[in-house]
């Protein structure tokens, strides 16, 4: 290998790794990830009013504007699941909850769910109108 081919190899491998990172998890992987794997391991305290506004039919851009980027290694393109690690204030201590948003082929919300159904009491879904 000559000296000129080393930078080319590095550039090639960098592109491959970058593209692999953009692919994210499988399009139908709806298992909740291990909280320790979060890019934002501290999670966040969401704006509950904004969280309640997430509903089927919304685009990824609309969800992003309401509650921000997913907390795990998930990208935008071809990814059908975003996962979040949220904290809520309870009477005695903060409670940590995992929240998931599932998208269809058109990147629109089809379903939201909590890892622990009890967490919905902190941010109940918006009532149907």
N, C-alpha and C. Protein backbone atom coordinates (compact mmCIF):
# COMPACT_ATOMS: atom_id res chain seq x y z
N UNK A 1 0.86 -1.17 0.00
CA UNK A 1 0.00 0.00 0.00
C UNK A 1 0.90 1.23 0.00
N UNK A 2 0.68 2.15 -0.95
CA UNK A 2 1.51 3.33 -1.00
C UNK A 2 0.92 4.44 -0.13
N UNK A 3 1.67 5.49 0.04
CA UNK A 3 1.27 6.57 0.94
C UNK A 3 0.02 7.30 0.47
N UNK A 4 -0.24 7.32 -0.82
CA UNK A 4 -1.43 8.00 -1.35
C UNK A 4 -2.70 7.21 -1.10
N UNK A 5 -2.61 5.92 -1.01
CA UNK A 5 -3.81 5.10 -0.84
C UNK A 5 -4.31 5.08 0.61
N UNK A 6 -3.48 5.42 1.56
CA UNK A 6 -3.90 5.42 2.97
C UNK A 6 -5.01 6.45 3.21
N UNK A 7 -4.87 7.71 2.79
CA UNK A 7 -5.97 8.66 2.98
C UNK A 7 -7.25 8.23 2.25
N UNK A 8 -7.09 7.64 1.08
CA UNK A 8 -8.27 7.17 0.33
C UNK A 8 -8.99 6.07 1.10
N UNK A 9 -8.22 5.15 1.68
CA UNK A 9 -8.83 4.08 2.48
C UNK A 9 -9.54 4.65 3.70
N UNK A 10 -8.92 5.61 4.35
CA UNK A 10 -9.53 6.22 5.53
C UNK A 10 -10.83 6.92 5.14
N UNK A 11 -10.81 7.64 4.03
CA UNK A 11 -12.02 8.34 3.57
C UNK A 11 -13.12 7.34 3.23
N UNK A 12 -12.76 6.25 2.59
CA UNK A 12 -13.74 5.23 2.22
C UNK A 12 -14.37 4.62 3.46
N UNK A 13 -13.56 4.22 4.43
CA UNK A 13 -14.10 3.63 5.65
C UNK A 13 -14.93 4.63 6.44
N UNK A 14 -14.53 5.89 6.44
CA UNK A 14 -15.31 6.92 7.13
C UNK A 14 -16.70 7.04 6.52
N UNK A 15 -16.77 7.03 5.19
CA UNK A 15 -18.07 7.10 4.52
C UNK A 15 -18.93 5.88 4.83
N UNK A 16 -18.33 4.72 4.85
CA UNK A 16 -19.08 3.49 5.15
C UNK A 16 -19.65 3.55 6.56
N UNK A 17 -18.84 3.97 7.53
CA UNK A 17 -19.32 4.06 8.91
C UNK A 17 -20.39 5.13 9.05
N UNK A 18 -20.25 6.24 8.36
CA UNK A 18 -21.25 7.31 8.43
C UNK A 18 -22.58 6.83 7.86
N UNK A 19 -22.52 6.14 6.73
CA UNK A 19 -23.76 5.62 6.14
C UNK A 19 -24.40 4.56 7.02
N UNK A 20 -23.61 3.74 7.64
CA UNK A 20 -24.16 2.72 8.55
C UNK A 20 -24.85 3.37 9.73
N UNK A 21 -24.29 4.45 10.24
CA UNK A 21 -24.90 5.15 11.37
C UNK A 21 -26.22 5.78 10.96
N UNK A 22 -26.32 6.25 9.73
CA UNK A 22 -27.56 6.88 9.27
C UNK A 22 -28.68 5.86 9.10
N UNK A 23 -28.31 4.62 8.87
CA UNK A 23 -29.34 3.61 8.64
C UNK A 23 -30.18 3.37 9.88
N UNK A 24 -29.61 3.49 11.05
CA UNK A 24 -30.37 3.31 12.28
C UNK A 24 -30.83 1.88 12.45
N UNK A 25 -31.71 1.63 13.44
CA UNK A 25 -32.19 0.29 13.67
C UNK A 25 -33.13 -0.15 12.55
N UNK A 26 -33.42 -1.44 12.53
CA UNK A 26 -34.30 -1.98 11.51
C UNK A 26 -35.63 -1.25 11.48
N UNK A 27 -36.28 -1.20 10.30
CA UNK A 27 -37.50 -0.43 10.15
C UNK A 27 -38.67 -0.94 10.98
N UNK A 28 -38.64 -2.18 11.40
CA UNK A 28 -39.77 -2.71 12.17
C UNK A 28 -39.37 -3.10 13.59
N UNK A 29 -38.21 -2.69 14.06
CA UNK A 29 -37.76 -3.03 15.40
C UNK A 29 -38.47 -2.14 16.41
N UNK A 30 -39.49 -2.70 17.08
CA UNK A 30 -40.26 -1.91 18.03
C UNK A 30 -39.95 -2.28 19.48
N UNK A 31 -38.90 -3.06 19.70
CA UNK A 31 -38.50 -3.37 21.07
C UNK A 31 -37.92 -2.10 21.69
N UNK A 32 -38.20 -1.87 22.97
CA UNK A 32 -37.63 -0.71 23.64
C UNK A 32 -36.15 -0.96 23.88
N UNK A 33 -35.30 -0.01 23.55
CA UNK A 33 -33.85 -0.19 23.76
C UNK A 33 -33.50 -0.10 25.24
N UNK A 34 -32.33 -0.62 25.56
CA UNK A 34 -31.82 -0.52 26.92
C UNK A 34 -31.57 0.95 27.23
N UNK A 35 -32.11 1.48 28.33
CA UNK A 35 -31.90 2.90 28.66
C UNK A 35 -30.43 3.30 28.73
N UNK A 36 -29.55 2.36 29.05
CA UNK A 36 -28.12 2.66 29.13
C UNK A 36 -27.53 2.97 27.75
N UNK A 37 -28.25 2.62 26.67
CA UNK A 37 -27.75 2.85 25.32
C UNK A 37 -28.16 4.22 24.77
N UNK A 38 -28.81 5.03 25.56
CA UNK A 38 -29.28 6.33 25.09
C UNK A 38 -28.12 7.25 24.75
N UNK A 39 -28.26 8.01 23.65
CA UNK A 39 -27.27 9.04 23.32
C UNK A 39 -27.34 10.16 24.35
N UNK A 40 -28.52 10.33 24.91
CA UNK A 40 -28.75 11.32 25.96
C UNK A 40 -29.12 10.52 27.21
N UNK A 41 -28.14 9.92 27.89
CA UNK A 41 -28.44 9.02 29.00
C UNK A 41 -29.16 9.70 30.16
N UNK A 42 -29.03 11.02 30.25
CA UNK A 42 -29.74 11.73 31.32
C UNK A 42 -31.21 11.93 30.96
N UNK A 43 -31.60 11.65 29.70
CA UNK A 43 -32.98 11.83 29.28
C UNK A 43 -33.35 13.30 29.34
N UNK A 44 -34.64 13.56 29.44
CA UNK A 44 -35.09 14.95 29.53
C UNK A 44 -36.45 15.01 30.22
N UNK A 45 -36.77 16.19 30.72
CA UNK A 45 -38.08 16.46 31.27
C UNK A 45 -38.87 17.12 30.15
N UNK A 46 -39.81 16.40 29.52
CA UNK A 46 -40.49 16.97 28.36
C UNK A 46 -41.52 18.02 28.75
N UNK A 47 -41.85 18.87 27.80
CA UNK A 47 -42.97 19.77 27.95
C UNK A 47 -44.21 18.89 27.77
N UNK A 48 -44.92 18.65 28.83
CA UNK A 48 -46.05 17.70 28.82
C UNK A 48 -47.13 18.14 27.83
N UNK A 49 -47.38 19.43 27.72
CA UNK A 49 -48.38 19.90 26.76
C UNK A 49 -47.98 19.54 25.34
N UNK A 50 -46.69 19.67 25.03
CA UNK A 50 -46.21 19.31 23.69
C UNK A 50 -46.28 17.79 23.49
N UNK A 51 -45.91 17.03 24.48
CA UNK A 51 -45.93 15.58 24.38
C UNK A 51 -47.35 15.07 24.12
N UNK A 52 -48.32 15.69 24.76
CA UNK A 52 -49.72 15.28 24.57
C UNK A 52 -50.22 15.57 23.16
N UNK A 53 -49.54 16.47 22.45
CA UNK A 53 -49.97 16.84 21.11
C UNK A 53 -49.52 15.85 20.03
N UNK A 54 -48.59 14.96 20.35
CA UNK A 54 -48.12 13.98 19.36
C UNK A 54 -49.26 13.03 19.08
N UNK A 55 -49.61 12.89 17.78
CA UNK A 55 -50.75 12.05 17.42
C UNK A 55 -50.54 11.45 16.03
N UNK A 56 -51.28 10.38 15.73
CA UNK A 56 -51.17 9.76 14.41
C UNK A 56 -51.38 10.78 13.29
N UNK A 57 -50.58 10.61 12.23
CA UNK A 57 -50.67 11.48 11.07
C UNK A 57 -49.61 12.57 11.05
N UNK A 58 -49.01 12.88 12.20
CA UNK A 58 -47.98 13.91 12.23
C UNK A 58 -46.72 13.43 11.52
N UNK A 59 -45.97 14.38 10.97
CA UNK A 59 -44.70 14.05 10.31
C UNK A 59 -43.58 14.03 11.34
N UNK A 60 -42.45 13.49 10.93
CA UNK A 60 -41.28 13.48 11.82
C UNK A 60 -40.86 14.91 12.14
N UNK A 61 -40.96 15.81 11.18
CA UNK A 61 -40.61 17.20 11.43
C UNK A 61 -41.50 17.83 12.49
N UNK A 62 -42.78 17.52 12.46
CA UNK A 62 -43.70 18.05 13.46
C UNK A 62 -43.39 17.49 14.84
N UNK A 63 -43.08 16.19 14.89
CA UNK A 63 -42.73 15.57 16.17
C UNK A 63 -41.45 16.20 16.71
N UNK A 64 -40.47 16.38 15.84
CA UNK A 64 -39.20 16.99 16.23
C UNK A 64 -39.43 18.36 16.84
N UNK A 65 -40.30 19.17 16.21
CA UNK A 65 -40.59 20.50 16.73
C UNK A 65 -41.24 20.45 18.12
N UNK A 66 -42.04 19.42 18.37
CA UNK A 66 -42.74 19.32 19.65
C UNK A 66 -41.86 18.78 20.78
N UNK A 67 -41.16 17.67 20.52
CA UNK A 67 -40.45 17.00 21.62
C UNK A 67 -38.96 16.77 21.37
N UNK A 68 -38.46 17.21 20.23
CA UNK A 68 -37.03 17.10 19.97
C UNK A 68 -36.61 15.80 19.33
N UNK A 69 -35.30 15.65 19.22
CA UNK A 69 -34.72 14.47 18.58
C UNK A 69 -34.85 13.25 19.50
N UNK A 70 -34.87 12.06 18.91
CA UNK A 70 -34.92 10.85 19.75
C UNK A 70 -33.66 10.76 20.61
N UNK A 71 -33.78 10.08 21.73
CA UNK A 71 -32.66 9.99 22.67
C UNK A 71 -31.73 8.81 22.42
N UNK A 72 -32.05 8.01 21.42
CA UNK A 72 -31.22 6.85 21.10
C UNK A 72 -30.62 7.04 19.72
N UNK A 73 -29.81 6.11 19.27
CA UNK A 73 -29.10 6.22 17.99
C UNK A 73 -30.05 5.94 16.84
N UNK A 74 -30.94 6.87 16.59
CA UNK A 74 -31.92 6.74 15.52
C UNK A 74 -31.80 7.95 14.62
N UNK A 75 -31.93 7.71 13.35
CA UNK A 75 -31.81 8.82 12.40
C UNK A 75 -33.18 9.17 11.86
N UNK A 76 -33.21 9.88 10.77
CA UNK A 76 -34.47 10.34 10.20
C UNK A 76 -34.91 9.48 9.03
N UNK A 77 -34.01 9.17 8.13
CA UNK A 77 -34.37 8.49 6.89
C UNK A 77 -34.53 6.99 7.08
N UNK A 78 -35.61 6.45 6.56
CA UNK A 78 -35.94 5.02 6.57
C UNK A 78 -36.10 4.43 7.96
N UNK A 79 -36.11 5.23 8.98
CA UNK A 79 -36.28 4.72 10.34
C UNK A 79 -37.73 4.88 10.72
N UNK A 80 -38.33 3.82 11.21
CA UNK A 80 -39.75 3.86 11.54
C UNK A 80 -40.05 3.93 13.02
N UNK A 81 -39.00 4.00 13.85
CA UNK A 81 -39.22 4.04 15.29
C UNK A 81 -38.27 5.06 15.92
N UNK A 82 -38.82 5.93 16.75
CA UNK A 82 -38.03 6.85 17.56
C UNK A 82 -38.32 6.53 19.01
N UNK A 83 -37.27 6.49 19.84
CA UNK A 83 -37.40 6.20 21.26
C UNK A 83 -36.87 7.37 22.09
N UNK A 84 -37.55 7.60 23.21
CA UNK A 84 -37.20 8.70 24.10
C UNK A 84 -37.09 8.19 25.54
N UNK A 85 -36.29 8.88 26.33
CA UNK A 85 -36.14 8.60 27.74
C UNK A 85 -36.56 9.87 28.48
N UNK A 86 -37.78 9.85 29.01
CA UNK A 86 -38.35 11.03 29.66
C UNK A 86 -38.40 10.87 31.17
N UNK A 87 -38.31 12.00 31.85
CA UNK A 87 -38.46 12.03 33.31
C UNK A 87 -39.67 12.90 33.64
N UNK A 88 -40.38 12.49 34.68
CA UNK A 88 -41.53 13.24 35.16
C UNK A 88 -41.38 13.42 36.66
N UNK A 89 -41.86 14.54 37.14
CA UNK A 89 -41.80 14.80 38.58
C UNK A 89 -42.99 14.13 39.25
N UNK A 90 -42.70 13.34 40.25
CA UNK A 90 -43.72 12.66 41.04
C UNK A 90 -43.65 13.24 42.46
N UNK A 91 -44.61 12.89 43.28
CA UNK A 91 -44.65 13.43 44.64
C UNK A 91 -43.37 13.16 45.42
N UNK A 92 -42.82 11.96 45.29
CA UNK A 92 -41.65 11.61 46.10
C UNK A 92 -40.31 11.66 45.36
N UNK A 93 -40.30 11.42 44.03
CA UNK A 93 -39.04 11.43 43.28
C UNK A 93 -39.34 11.44 41.79
N UNK A 94 -38.33 11.79 40.97
CA UNK A 94 -38.54 11.74 39.52
C UNK A 94 -38.75 10.31 39.05
N UNK A 95 -39.60 10.15 38.06
CA UNK A 95 -39.89 8.84 37.48
C UNK A 95 -39.38 8.85 36.04
N UNK A 96 -38.67 7.80 35.66
CA UNK A 96 -38.13 7.69 34.31
C UNK A 96 -39.02 6.77 33.48
N UNK A 97 -39.36 7.22 32.28
CA UNK A 97 -40.24 6.47 31.39
C UNK A 97 -39.67 6.43 29.97
N UNK A 98 -39.85 5.29 29.32
CA UNK A 98 -39.46 5.18 27.92
C UNK A 98 -40.69 5.34 27.05
N UNK A 99 -40.55 6.18 26.02
CA UNK A 99 -41.64 6.51 25.11
C UNK A 99 -41.20 6.18 23.70
N UNK A 100 -42.13 5.65 22.92
CA UNK A 100 -41.79 5.26 21.56
C UNK A 100 -42.82 5.80 20.58
N UNK A 101 -42.32 6.26 19.43
CA UNK A 101 -43.18 6.71 18.35
C UNK A 101 -42.87 5.84 17.14
N UNK A 102 -43.93 5.29 16.53
CA UNK A 102 -43.77 4.46 15.34
C UNK A 102 -44.30 5.23 14.13
N UNK A 103 -43.58 5.10 13.00
CA UNK A 103 -43.91 5.81 11.77
C UNK A 103 -44.21 4.84 10.64
N UNK A 104 -44.97 5.30 9.66
CA UNK A 104 -45.26 4.48 8.48
C UNK A 104 -44.22 4.77 7.38
N UNK A 105 -44.46 4.22 6.19
CA UNK A 105 -43.53 4.41 5.07
C UNK A 105 -43.42 5.86 4.62
N UNK A 106 -44.43 6.67 4.95
CA UNK A 106 -44.42 8.09 4.58
C UNK A 106 -43.90 8.97 5.71
N UNK A 107 -43.29 8.36 6.72
CA UNK A 107 -42.72 9.07 7.88
C UNK A 107 -43.77 9.84 8.67
N UNK A 108 -44.95 9.25 8.79
CA UNK A 108 -46.02 9.83 9.59
C UNK A 108 -46.29 8.91 10.79
N UNK A 109 -46.62 9.53 11.91
CA UNK A 109 -46.88 8.77 13.14
C UNK A 109 -48.06 7.82 12.94
N UNK A 110 -47.84 6.57 13.31
CA UNK A 110 -48.93 5.59 13.28
C UNK A 110 -49.34 5.19 14.69
N UNK A 111 -48.37 5.26 15.62
CA UNK A 111 -48.65 4.77 16.98
C UNK A 111 -47.63 5.34 17.95
N UNK A 112 -48.08 5.58 19.17
CA UNK A 112 -47.18 5.94 20.26
C UNK A 112 -47.46 4.97 21.40
N UNK A 113 -46.43 4.72 22.20
CA UNK A 113 -46.63 3.82 23.34
C UNK A 113 -45.55 4.04 24.39
N UNK A 114 -45.85 3.59 25.58
CA UNK A 114 -44.94 3.67 26.73
C UNK A 114 -44.45 2.27 27.06
N UNK A 115 -43.20 2.15 27.49
CA UNK A 115 -42.68 0.85 27.93
C UNK A 115 -43.48 0.38 29.14
N UNK A 116 -43.78 1.31 30.04
CA UNK A 116 -44.60 1.02 31.22
C UNK A 116 -45.91 1.79 31.04
N UNK A 117 -47.03 1.11 30.85
CA UNK A 117 -48.31 1.80 30.64
C UNK A 117 -48.65 2.82 31.74
N UNK A 118 -48.11 2.64 32.94
CA UNK A 118 -48.37 3.59 34.03
C UNK A 118 -47.83 4.98 33.73
N UNK A 119 -46.83 5.05 32.86
CA UNK A 119 -46.22 6.34 32.53
C UNK A 119 -47.19 7.27 31.80
N UNK A 120 -48.19 6.71 31.16
CA UNK A 120 -49.15 7.55 30.44
C UNK A 120 -49.90 8.49 31.37
N UNK A 121 -49.94 8.18 32.66
CA UNK A 121 -50.63 9.06 33.61
C UNK A 121 -49.94 10.42 33.71
N UNK A 122 -48.65 10.49 33.40
CA UNK A 122 -47.92 11.76 33.47
C UNK A 122 -48.21 12.64 32.25
N UNK A 123 -48.48 12.03 31.12
CA UNK A 123 -48.76 12.77 29.87
C UNK A 123 -49.81 12.01 29.08
N UNK A 124 -51.07 12.06 29.54
CA UNK A 124 -52.11 11.30 28.82
C UNK A 124 -52.28 11.83 27.40
N UNK A 125 -52.67 10.93 26.54
CA UNK A 125 -52.89 11.30 25.14
C UNK A 125 -53.97 12.37 25.05
N UNK A 126 -53.85 13.18 24.02
CA UNK A 126 -54.82 14.24 23.80
C UNK A 126 -56.19 13.59 23.52
N UNK A 127 -57.25 14.07 24.19
CA UNK A 127 -58.56 13.48 23.96
C UNK A 127 -59.01 13.67 22.51
N UNK A 128 -59.70 12.67 21.99
CA UNK A 128 -60.21 12.76 20.62
C UNK A 128 -61.29 13.85 20.54
N UNK A 129 -61.29 14.54 19.43
CA UNK A 129 -62.28 15.62 19.27
C UNK A 129 -63.38 15.25 18.33
